[in-house]
Amino acid sequence: MKARAASPDVLVDLGGLAELKGMIEAALPGAEAEVIDETGTGDHIRATVAAPQFEGISRIDQHRLVKAAVKKRFDDGTIHALSVKTSVPG
């Protein structure tokens, strides 16, 4: 999966989205993540993540794993909001 802006008309720091994607995939080895800037401001992010680590755990715990992976960016104010969709690959 990839990092991309919600609209091709909006200039977004794709490097920041790529960093978030990398943070999620590093925290969850084997995961595939797609990270999208929902508003064009770079601080409201949607992450769709498929990871084998999600097998057998609750949806809320899956979301906690994703949010923990990017906690550093919440703490420094880069991210204001993160919506998460998770699944088990396969």
N, C-alpha and C. Protein backbone atom coordinates (compact mmCIF):
# COMPACT_ATOMS: atom_id res chain seq x y z
N MET A 1 0.85 -1.16 0.00
CA MET A 1 0.00 0.00 0.00
C MET A 1 0.89 1.23 0.00
N LYS A 2 0.32 2.41 -0.17
CA LYS A 2 1.13 3.59 -0.39
C LYS A 2 0.64 4.78 0.42
N ALA A 3 1.42 5.84 0.39
CA ALA A 3 1.03 7.11 0.98
C ALA A 3 0.57 8.02 -0.14
N ARG A 4 -0.56 8.71 0.07
CA ARG A 4 -1.04 9.61 -0.97
C ARG A 4 -1.92 10.69 -0.37
N ALA A 5 -2.08 11.75 -1.10
CA ALA A 5 -2.97 12.84 -0.70
C ALA A 5 -4.40 12.46 -1.04
N ALA A 6 -5.36 13.00 -0.30
CA ALA A 6 -6.77 12.70 -0.55
C ALA A 6 -7.22 13.26 -1.89
N SER A 7 -6.62 14.35 -2.34
CA SER A 7 -7.00 14.97 -3.61
C SER A 7 -5.74 15.34 -4.37
N PRO A 8 -5.70 15.09 -5.67
CA PRO A 8 -4.51 15.46 -6.44
C PRO A 8 -4.33 16.97 -6.53
N ASP A 9 -5.38 17.75 -6.21
CA ASP A 9 -5.30 19.20 -6.28
C ASP A 9 -4.65 19.81 -5.04
N VAL A 10 -4.44 19.01 -4.00
CA VAL A 10 -3.91 19.51 -2.74
C VAL A 10 -2.44 19.16 -2.63
N LEU A 11 -1.63 20.17 -2.31
CA LEU A 11 -0.21 19.92 -2.09
C LEU A 11 -0.02 19.45 -0.67
N VAL A 12 0.53 18.27 -0.51
CA VAL A 12 0.71 17.67 0.80
C VAL A 12 2.15 17.20 0.92
N ASP A 13 2.67 17.24 2.12
CA ASP A 13 4.01 16.73 2.37
C ASP A 13 3.97 15.21 2.32
N LEU A 14 4.16 14.67 1.12
CA LEU A 14 4.11 13.22 0.97
C LEU A 14 5.24 12.55 1.72
N GLY A 15 6.34 13.27 1.97
CA GLY A 15 7.41 12.71 2.78
C GLY A 15 6.93 12.39 4.19
N GLY A 16 6.07 13.25 4.74
CA GLY A 16 5.49 13.00 6.06
C GLY A 16 4.58 11.79 6.06
N LEU A 17 3.79 11.65 5.00
CA LEU A 17 2.92 10.48 4.90
C LEU A 17 3.75 9.21 4.75
N ALA A 18 4.81 9.28 3.96
CA ALA A 18 5.69 8.13 3.79
C ALA A 18 6.36 7.77 5.11
N GLU A 19 6.70 8.78 5.90
CA GLU A 19 7.30 8.51 7.21
C GLU A 19 6.31 7.77 8.10
N LEU A 20 5.06 8.22 8.13
CA LEU A 20 4.04 7.56 8.95
C LEU A 20 3.83 6.12 8.50
N LYS A 21 3.77 5.92 7.19
CA LYS A 21 3.63 4.57 6.64
C LYS A 21 4.80 3.70 7.12
N GLY A 22 6.01 4.25 7.04
CA GLY A 22 7.19 3.52 7.47
C GLY A 22 7.18 3.21 8.96
N MET A 23 6.68 4.15 9.77
CA MET A 23 6.60 3.93 11.21
C MET A 23 5.66 2.77 11.53
N ILE A 24 4.52 2.75 10.84
CA ILE A 24 3.54 1.68 11.07
C ILE A 24 4.11 0.34 10.63
N GLU A 25 4.69 0.29 9.44
CA GLU A 25 5.21 -0.97 8.91
C GLU A 25 6.42 -1.46 9.71
N ALA A 26 7.21 -0.54 10.29
CA ALA A 26 8.34 -0.94 11.13
C ALA A 26 7.86 -1.52 12.47
N ALA A 27 6.80 -0.92 13.01
CA ALA A 27 6.27 -1.39 14.29
C ALA A 27 5.52 -2.71 14.16
N LEU A 28 5.01 -2.99 12.96
CA LEU A 28 4.23 -4.20 12.70
C LEU A 28 4.85 -4.93 11.51
N PRO A 29 5.95 -5.65 11.74
CA PRO A 29 6.63 -6.33 10.63
C PRO A 29 5.68 -7.22 9.83
N GLY A 30 5.76 -7.10 8.53
CA GLY A 30 4.88 -7.86 7.64
C GLY A 30 3.60 -7.12 7.29
N ALA A 31 3.38 -5.96 7.91
CA ALA A 31 2.17 -5.17 7.65
C ALA A 31 2.28 -4.45 6.32
N GLU A 32 1.12 -4.16 5.76
CA GLU A 32 1.01 -3.27 4.61
C GLU A 32 0.11 -2.13 5.03
N ALA A 33 0.59 -0.89 4.85
CA ALA A 33 -0.17 0.28 5.27
C ALA A 33 -0.38 1.24 4.11
N GLU A 34 -1.54 1.87 4.10
CA GLU A 34 -1.82 2.98 3.19
C GLU A 34 -2.16 4.16 4.08
N VAL A 35 -1.49 5.27 3.86
CA VAL A 35 -1.67 6.45 4.70
C VAL A 35 -2.11 7.61 3.80
N ILE A 36 -3.23 8.24 4.17
CA ILE A 36 -3.83 9.29 3.35
C ILE A 36 -4.07 10.53 4.20
N ASP A 37 -3.75 11.68 3.65
CA ASP A 37 -4.08 12.96 4.27
C ASP A 37 -5.53 13.27 3.92
N GLU A 38 -6.43 13.25 4.89
CA GLU A 38 -7.85 13.40 4.61
C GLU A 38 -8.27 14.84 4.31
N THR A 39 -7.52 15.82 4.81
CA THR A 39 -7.97 17.21 4.69
C THR A 39 -7.05 18.10 3.87
N GLY A 40 -5.86 17.60 3.56
CA GLY A 40 -4.89 18.43 2.85
C GLY A 40 -4.04 19.29 3.76
N THR A 41 -4.26 19.18 5.06
CA THR A 41 -3.48 19.97 6.02
C THR A 41 -2.32 19.19 6.62
N GLY A 42 -2.29 17.88 6.39
CA GLY A 42 -1.21 17.05 6.88
C GLY A 42 -1.36 16.60 8.31
N ASP A 43 -2.44 17.01 9.00
CA ASP A 43 -2.58 16.61 10.40
C ASP A 43 -3.81 15.75 10.69
N HIS A 44 -4.64 15.51 9.68
CA HIS A 44 -5.79 14.60 9.80
C HIS A 44 -5.52 13.44 8.84
N ILE A 45 -5.18 12.32 9.40
CA ILE A 45 -4.65 11.19 8.63
C ILE A 45 -5.59 9.99 8.72
N ARG A 46 -5.67 9.26 7.62
CA ARG A 46 -6.38 7.96 7.61
C ARG A 46 -5.35 6.89 7.28
N ALA A 47 -5.32 5.85 8.11
CA ALA A 47 -4.41 4.72 7.87
C ALA A 47 -5.22 3.45 7.72
N THR A 48 -4.98 2.74 6.63
CA THR A 48 -5.57 1.43 6.40
C THR A 48 -4.42 0.44 6.50
N VAL A 49 -4.54 -0.49 7.44
CA VAL A 49 -3.42 -1.36 7.76
C VAL A 49 -3.86 -2.82 7.79
N ALA A 50 -3.15 -3.67 7.06
CA ALA A 50 -3.34 -5.12 7.11
C ALA A 50 -2.07 -5.70 7.74
N ALA A 51 -2.23 -6.43 8.85
CA ALA A 51 -1.06 -6.95 9.56
C ALA A 51 -1.37 -8.31 10.18
N PRO A 52 -0.41 -9.23 10.10
CA PRO A 52 -0.62 -10.54 10.71
C PRO A 52 -0.75 -10.46 12.23
N GLN A 53 -0.21 -9.42 12.84
CA GLN A 53 -0.29 -9.26 14.30
C GLN A 53 -1.73 -9.05 14.78
N PHE A 54 -2.64 -8.70 13.88
CA PHE A 54 -4.02 -8.45 14.24
C PHE A 54 -4.83 -9.73 14.44
N GLU A 55 -4.29 -10.84 14.00
CA GLU A 55 -4.98 -12.13 14.11
C GLU A 55 -5.32 -12.42 15.58
N GLY A 56 -6.60 -12.62 15.85
CA GLY A 56 -7.03 -13.04 17.19
C GLY A 56 -7.13 -11.94 18.23
N ILE A 57 -6.90 -10.67 17.86
CA ILE A 57 -7.05 -9.61 18.86
C ILE A 57 -8.20 -8.69 18.46
N SER A 58 -8.75 -8.00 19.45
CA SER A 58 -9.93 -7.17 19.22
C SER A 58 -9.60 -5.99 18.29
N ARG A 59 -10.63 -5.45 17.69
CA ARG A 59 -10.47 -4.30 16.80
C ARG A 59 -9.84 -3.12 17.54
N ILE A 60 -10.27 -2.89 18.78
CA ILE A 60 -9.71 -1.77 19.55
C ILE A 60 -8.22 -1.98 19.81
N ASP A 61 -7.82 -3.22 20.08
CA ASP A 61 -6.40 -3.49 20.29
C ASP A 61 -5.60 -3.35 18.99
N GLN A 62 -6.22 -3.70 17.87
CA GLN A 62 -5.57 -3.49 16.57
C GLN A 62 -5.31 -1.99 16.36
N HIS A 63 -6.32 -1.18 16.65
CA HIS A 63 -6.18 0.26 16.47
C HIS A 63 -5.15 0.83 17.43
N ARG A 64 -5.10 0.30 18.64
CA ARG A 64 -4.09 0.76 19.61
C ARG A 64 -2.68 0.49 19.10
N LEU A 65 -2.48 -0.66 18.47
CA LEU A 65 -1.15 -0.98 17.92
C LEU A 65 -0.74 0.03 16.84
N VAL A 66 -1.69 0.39 15.98
CA VAL A 66 -1.39 1.36 14.92
C VAL A 66 -1.11 2.73 15.53
N LYS A 67 -1.94 3.15 16.46
CA LYS A 67 -1.75 4.47 17.07
C LYS A 67 -0.45 4.53 17.86
N ALA A 68 -0.08 3.43 18.51
CA ALA A 68 1.20 3.40 19.24
C ALA A 68 2.38 3.56 18.29
N ALA A 69 2.25 3.03 17.08
CA ALA A 69 3.33 3.12 16.10
C ALA A 69 3.63 4.56 15.69
N VAL A 70 2.62 5.44 15.73
CA VAL A 70 2.82 6.83 15.32
C VAL A 70 2.69 7.81 16.49
N LYS A 71 2.75 7.29 17.70
CA LYS A 71 2.59 8.12 18.90
C LYS A 71 3.54 9.31 18.92
N LYS A 72 4.75 9.10 18.45
CA LYS A 72 5.74 10.19 18.42
C LYS A 72 5.20 11.40 17.65
N ARG A 73 4.47 11.16 16.57
CA ARG A 73 3.93 12.26 15.76
C ARG A 73 2.70 12.91 16.40
N PHE A 74 1.97 12.17 17.23
CA PHE A 74 0.90 12.79 18.03
C PHE A 74 1.55 13.68 19.09
N ASP A 75 2.57 13.15 19.75
CA ASP A 75 3.23 13.87 20.84
C ASP A 75 3.88 15.17 20.38
N ASP A 76 4.43 15.19 19.16
CA ASP A 76 5.08 16.42 18.69
C ASP A 76 4.12 17.34 17.93
N GLY A 77 2.84 16.94 17.83
CA GLY A 77 1.83 17.78 17.21
C GLY A 77 1.71 17.67 15.70
N THR A 78 2.50 16.80 15.09
CA THR A 78 2.42 16.63 13.64
C THR A 78 1.04 16.11 13.24
N ILE A 79 0.53 15.15 14.00
CA ILE A 79 -0.79 14.56 13.74
C ILE A 79 -1.77 15.07 14.79
N HIS A 80 -2.92 15.49 14.33
CA HIS A 80 -3.99 15.91 15.23
C HIS A 80 -5.07 14.83 15.32
N ALA A 81 -5.34 14.15 14.22
CA ALA A 81 -6.38 13.13 14.17
C ALA A 81 -5.93 11.97 13.28
N LEU A 82 -6.28 10.77 13.71
CA LEU A 82 -5.93 9.57 12.95
C LEU A 82 -7.14 8.64 12.94
N SER A 83 -7.67 8.37 11.76
CA SER A 83 -8.70 7.34 11.65
C SER A 83 -8.01 6.07 11.13
N VAL A 84 -8.44 4.94 11.66
CA VAL A 84 -7.75 3.69 11.39
C VAL A 84 -8.74 2.63 10.93
N LYS A 85 -8.34 1.91 9.89
CA LYS A 85 -9.09 0.73 9.43
C LYS A 85 -8.08 -0.40 9.41
N THR A 86 -8.40 -1.50 10.06
CA THR A 86 -7.47 -2.62 10.16
C THR A 86 -8.07 -3.91 9.63
N SER A 87 -7.17 -4.81 9.22
CA SER A 87 -7.60 -6.13 8.79
C SER A 87 -6.42 -7.10 8.92
N VAL A 88 -6.75 -8.37 8.85
CA VAL A 88 -5.74 -9.42 8.82
C VAL A 88 -5.52 -9.77 7.35
N PRO A 89 -4.25 -9.84 6.89
CA PRO A 89 -4.02 -10.17 5.48
C PRO A 89 -4.58 -11.54 5.11
N GLY A 90 -4.93 -11.64 3.84
CA GLY A 90 -5.36 -12.94 3.35
C GLY A 90 -6.72 -12.98 2.92
